[in-house]
C-alpha atoms as a PDB file:
ATOM      1  CA  MET A   1     -11.615 -12.896  -9.020  1.00  0.00           C
ATOM      2  CA  LYS A   2     -10.921  -9.800 -11.001  1.00  0.00           C
ATOM      3  CA  GLN A   3      -9.312  -6.643  -9.809  1.00  0.00           C
ATOM      4  CA  PHE A   4     -10.894  -3.231  -9.804  1.00  0.00           C
ATOM      5  CA  LEU A   5      -9.676   0.268  -9.179  1.00  0.00           C
ATOM      6  CA  LEU A   6     -11.924   2.519  -7.057  1.00  0.00           C
ATOM      7  CA  ILE A   7     -10.955   6.118  -7.939  1.00  0.00           C
ATOM      8  CA  LEU A   8     -11.889   8.524  -5.153  1.00  0.00           C
ATOM      9  CA  ARG A   9     -12.785  11.891  -6.543  1.00  0.00           C
ATOM     10  CA  GLY A  10     -13.858  15.099  -4.875  1.00  0.00           C
ATOM     11  CA  GLY A  11     -14.992  15.017  -1.254  1.00  0.00           C
ATOM     12  CA  ARG A  12     -15.019  17.594   1.448  1.00  0.00           C
ATOM     13  CA  PRO A  13     -11.617  19.066   2.337  1.00  0.00           C
ATOM     14  CA  ALA A  14     -10.286  18.068   5.752  1.00  0.00           C
ATOM     15  CA  ALA A  15     -10.041  21.760   6.706  1.00  0.00           C
ATOM     16  CA  SER A  16     -13.798  22.160   6.335  1.00  0.00           C
ATOM     17  CA  LYS A  17     -14.661  19.493   8.786  1.00  0.00           C
ATOM     18  CA  THR A  18     -15.155  19.749  12.563  1.00  0.00           C
ATOM     19  CA  GLU A  19     -13.210  17.463  14.827  1.00  0.00           C
ATOM     20  CA  GLU A  20     -16.299  15.377  15.408  1.00  0.00           C
ATOM     21  CA  GLU A  21     -16.969  15.022  11.638  1.00  0.00           C
ATOM     22  CA  SER A  22     -13.304  13.967  11.053  1.00  0.00           C
ATOM     23  CA  LYS A  23     -13.555  11.353  13.865  1.00  0.00           C
ATOM     24  CA  ALA A  24     -16.770  10.003  12.469  1.00  0.00           C
ATOM     25  CA  GLU A  25     -15.346   9.810   8.963  1.00  0.00           C
ATOM     26  CA  THR A  26     -12.187   8.050  10.244  1.00  0.00           C
ATOM     27  CA  ALA A  27     -14.342   5.517  12.096  1.00  0.00           C
ATOM     28  CA  ALA A  28     -16.456   4.916   8.986  1.00  0.00           C
ATOM     29  CA  TRP A  29     -13.267   4.410   6.908  1.00  0.00           C
ATOM     30  CA  ASN A  30     -11.895   1.957   9.536  1.00  0.00           C
ATOM     31  CA  VAL A  31     -15.056  -0.164   9.392  1.00  0.00           C
ATOM     32  CA  TYR A  32     -15.137  -0.108   5.596  1.00  0.00           C
ATOM     33  CA  MET A  33     -11.453  -1.011   5.105  1.00  0.00           C
ATOM     34  CA  GLY A  34     -11.716  -3.675   7.836  1.00  0.00           C
ATOM     35  CA  SER A  35     -14.697  -5.235   6.009  1.00  0.00           C
ATOM     36  CA  LEU A  36     -12.935  -5.203   2.660  1.00  0.00           C
ATOM     37  CA  ALA A  37      -9.870  -6.864   4.249  1.00  0.00           C
ATOM     38  CA  GLN A  38     -11.832  -9.425   6.246  1.00  0.00           C
ATOM     39  CA  ASN A  39     -13.779 -10.518   3.220  1.00  0.00           C
ATOM     40  CA  GLY A  40     -10.780 -10.869   0.973  1.00  0.00           C
ATOM     41  CA  HIS A  41     -11.612  -7.832  -1.259  1.00  0.00           C
ATOM     42  CA  MET A  42      -8.795  -5.535  -0.237  1.00  0.00           C
ATOM     43  CA  ALA A  43      -5.772  -5.508  -2.504  1.00  0.00           C
ATOM     44  CA  GLY A  44      -4.271  -2.035  -1.827  1.00  0.00           C
ATOM     45  CA  GLY A  45      -4.836   1.670  -1.888  1.00  0.00           C
ATOM     46  CA  VAL A  46      -3.859   4.897  -0.292  1.00  0.00           C
ATOM     47  CA  PRO A  47      -4.908   8.591  -0.076  1.00  0.00           C
ATOM     48  CA  LEU A  48      -2.992  11.026  -2.290  1.00  0.00           C
ATOM     49  CA  VAL A  49      -1.198  14.224  -1.243  1.00  0.00           C
ATOM     50  CA  SER A  50      -2.869  17.399  -2.490  1.00  0.00           C
ATOM     51  CA  GLY A  51      -1.364  19.112  -5.547  1.00  0.00           C
ATOM     52  CA  GLY A  52       0.907  17.458  -7.940  1.00  0.00           C
ATOM     53  CA  LYS A  53       1.837  17.852 -11.586  1.00  0.00           C
ATOM     54  CA  SER A  54       0.318  16.952 -14.865  1.00  0.00           C
ATOM     55  CA  VAL A  55       2.443  15.815 -17.816  1.00  0.00           C
ATOM     56  CA  SER A  56       1.279  15.851 -21.425  1.00  0.00           C
ATOM     57  CA  ALA A  57       2.646  16.567 -24.884  1.00  0.00           C
ATOM     58  CA  SER A  58       2.003  20.268 -24.195  1.00  0.00           C
ATOM     59  CA  GLY A  59       4.413  20.158 -21.225  1.00  0.00           C
ATOM     60  CA  ILE A  60       4.328  19.951 -17.453  1.00  0.00           C
ATOM     61  CA  THR A  61       1.893  21.921 -15.271  1.00  0.00           C
ATOM     62  CA  ASN A  62       2.086  22.401 -11.555  1.00  0.00           C
ATOM     63  CA  GLU A  63      -1.380  21.003 -10.728  1.00  0.00           C
ATOM     64  CA  PRO A  64      -3.198  17.697 -11.287  1.00  0.00           C
ATOM     65  CA  VAL A  65      -5.923  17.440 -13.917  1.00  0.00           C
ATOM     66  CA  THR A  66      -9.128  19.037 -12.605  1.00  0.00           C
ATOM     67  CA  SER A  67     -11.275  18.846 -15.655  1.00  0.00           C
ATOM     68  CA  SER A  68     -13.612  16.180 -14.162  1.00  0.00           C
ATOM     69  CA  PRO A  69     -16.905  17.516 -12.834  1.00  0.00           C
ATOM     70  CA  GLU A  70     -16.499  15.044  -9.916  1.00  0.00           C
ATOM     71  CA  GLY A  71     -13.280  16.700  -8.759  1.00  0.00           C
ATOM     72  CA  ILE A  72      -9.674  15.729  -8.638  1.00  0.00           C
ATOM     73  CA  VAL A  73      -8.554  12.294  -7.546  1.00  0.00           C
ATOM     74  CA  GLY A  74      -7.865  12.202  -3.818  1.00  0.00           C
ATOM     75  CA  GLY A  75      -6.984   8.536  -3.453  1.00  0.00           C
ATOM     76  CA  TYR A  76      -7.640   5.044  -4.742  1.00  0.00           C
ATOM     77  CA  LEU A  77      -8.421   1.531  -3.638  1.00  0.00           C
ATOM     78  CA  LEU A  78      -7.550  -1.628  -5.461  1.00  0.00           C
ATOM     79  CA  ILE A  79     -10.089  -4.392  -4.715  1.00  0.00           C
ATOM     80  CA  ASN A  80     -10.874  -7.943  -5.740  1.00  0.00           C
ATOM     81  CA  ALA A  81     -14.415  -8.751  -6.854  1.00  0.00           C
ATOM     82  CA  GLU A  82     -16.181 -11.244  -9.070  1.00  0.00           C
ATOM     83  CA  SER A  83     -17.686  -8.677 -11.511  1.00  0.00           C
ATOM     84  CA  LEU A  84     -18.090  -5.017 -12.242  1.00  0.00           C
ATOM     85  CA  ASP A  85     -21.543  -5.121 -10.500  1.00  0.00           C
ATOM     86  CA  ALA A  86     -20.021  -6.726  -7.414  1.00  0.00           C
ATOM     87  CA  ALA A  87     -17.196  -4.061  -7.389  1.00  0.00           C
ATOM     88  CA  ALA A  88     -19.799  -1.320  -7.718  1.00  0.00           C
ATOM     89  CA  ALA A  89     -21.726  -2.765  -4.713  1.00  0.00           C
ATOM     90  CA  LEU A  90     -18.546  -2.605  -2.692  1.00  0.00           C
ATOM     91  CA  ALA A  91     -17.920   0.952  -3.848  1.00  0.00           C
ATOM     92  CA  ASP A  92     -21.520   1.784  -2.859  1.00  0.00           C
ATOM     93  CA  ALA A  93     -20.577   1.056   0.763  1.00  0.00           C
ATOM     94  CA  CYS A  94     -17.554   3.359   0.589  1.00  0.00           C
ATOM     95  CA  PRO A  95     -17.796   6.287   3.110  1.00  0.00           C
ATOM     96  CA  HIS A  96     -16.249   8.689   0.594  1.00  0.00           C
ATOM     97  CA  LYS A  97     -19.602   9.157  -1.157  1.00  0.00           C
ATOM     98  CA  ASN A  98     -21.153  10.370   2.117  1.00  0.00           C
ATOM     99  CA  TYR A  99     -18.710  13.270   2.279  1.00  0.00           C
ATOM    100  CA  ASN A 100     -19.465  14.806  -1.112  1.00  0.00           C
ATOM    101  CA  GLY A 101     -17.216  12.419  -2.873  1.00  0.00           C
ATOM    102  CA  HIS A 102     -17.604  10.300  -6.011  1.00  0.00           C
ATOM    103  CA  VAL A 103     -16.246   6.742  -6.487  1.00  0.00           C
ATOM    104  CA  GLU A 104     -15.341   5.636 -10.011  1.00  0.00           C
ATOM    105  CA  VAL A 105     -15.127   1.894 -10.516  1.00  0.00           C
ATOM    106  CA  ARG A 106     -12.820   0.548 -13.228  1.00  0.00           C
ATOM    107  CA  GLU A 107     -11.755  -2.994 -14.033  1.00  0.00           C
ATOM    108  CA  ILE A 108      -8.015  -3.606 -14.204  1.00  0.00           C
ATOM    109  CA  ALA A 109      -7.202  -5.224 -17.527  1.00  0.00           C
ATOM    110  CA  PRO A 110      -5.103  -8.382 -17.314  1.00  0.00           C
ATOM    111  CA  MET A 111      -1.633  -7.851 -18.764  1.00  0.00           C
ATOM    112  CA  PRO A 112      -0.413 -10.347 -21.302  1.00  0.00           C
ATOM    113  CA  ALA A 113       2.765 -12.278 -20.461  1.00  0.00           C
ATOM    114  CA  MET A 114       5.895 -10.552 -21.649  1.00  0.00           C
END
C-alpha cells in the first residue's frame, strides 16, 4: 500500500451553515471516516485552525497562502491506498466536496533511509 495526502481546500464556512446542515455534515464525516478506518485506509488527518502565517524568502505574512482558486487548505487526511486512482476514488466519497470543497490527492513519496 502507498500513502496519499488528501488536501481539503475551500468549503463552506461553518458560520454560514444552519444547525441542521452542520449536523448533517458531521454525520456524513462520521460515516466517511468510519469507513476509511474500518477498511484500513485511514492513517491520520485533522482539520486546521483558520488563519496562520506564510513564510517565504520575502518574509513572514500573517495569513496562509490563498492563491489557489480552490481556496485555502482547511484540513488534510492521510490515507493508505493501492494506487493514485484508488486514492482518488476514496477522495470522491469525501463529504467535503458536497459542501463547496475541493479535495486534492497527492501521493506521499517514500523517504530514502538516512
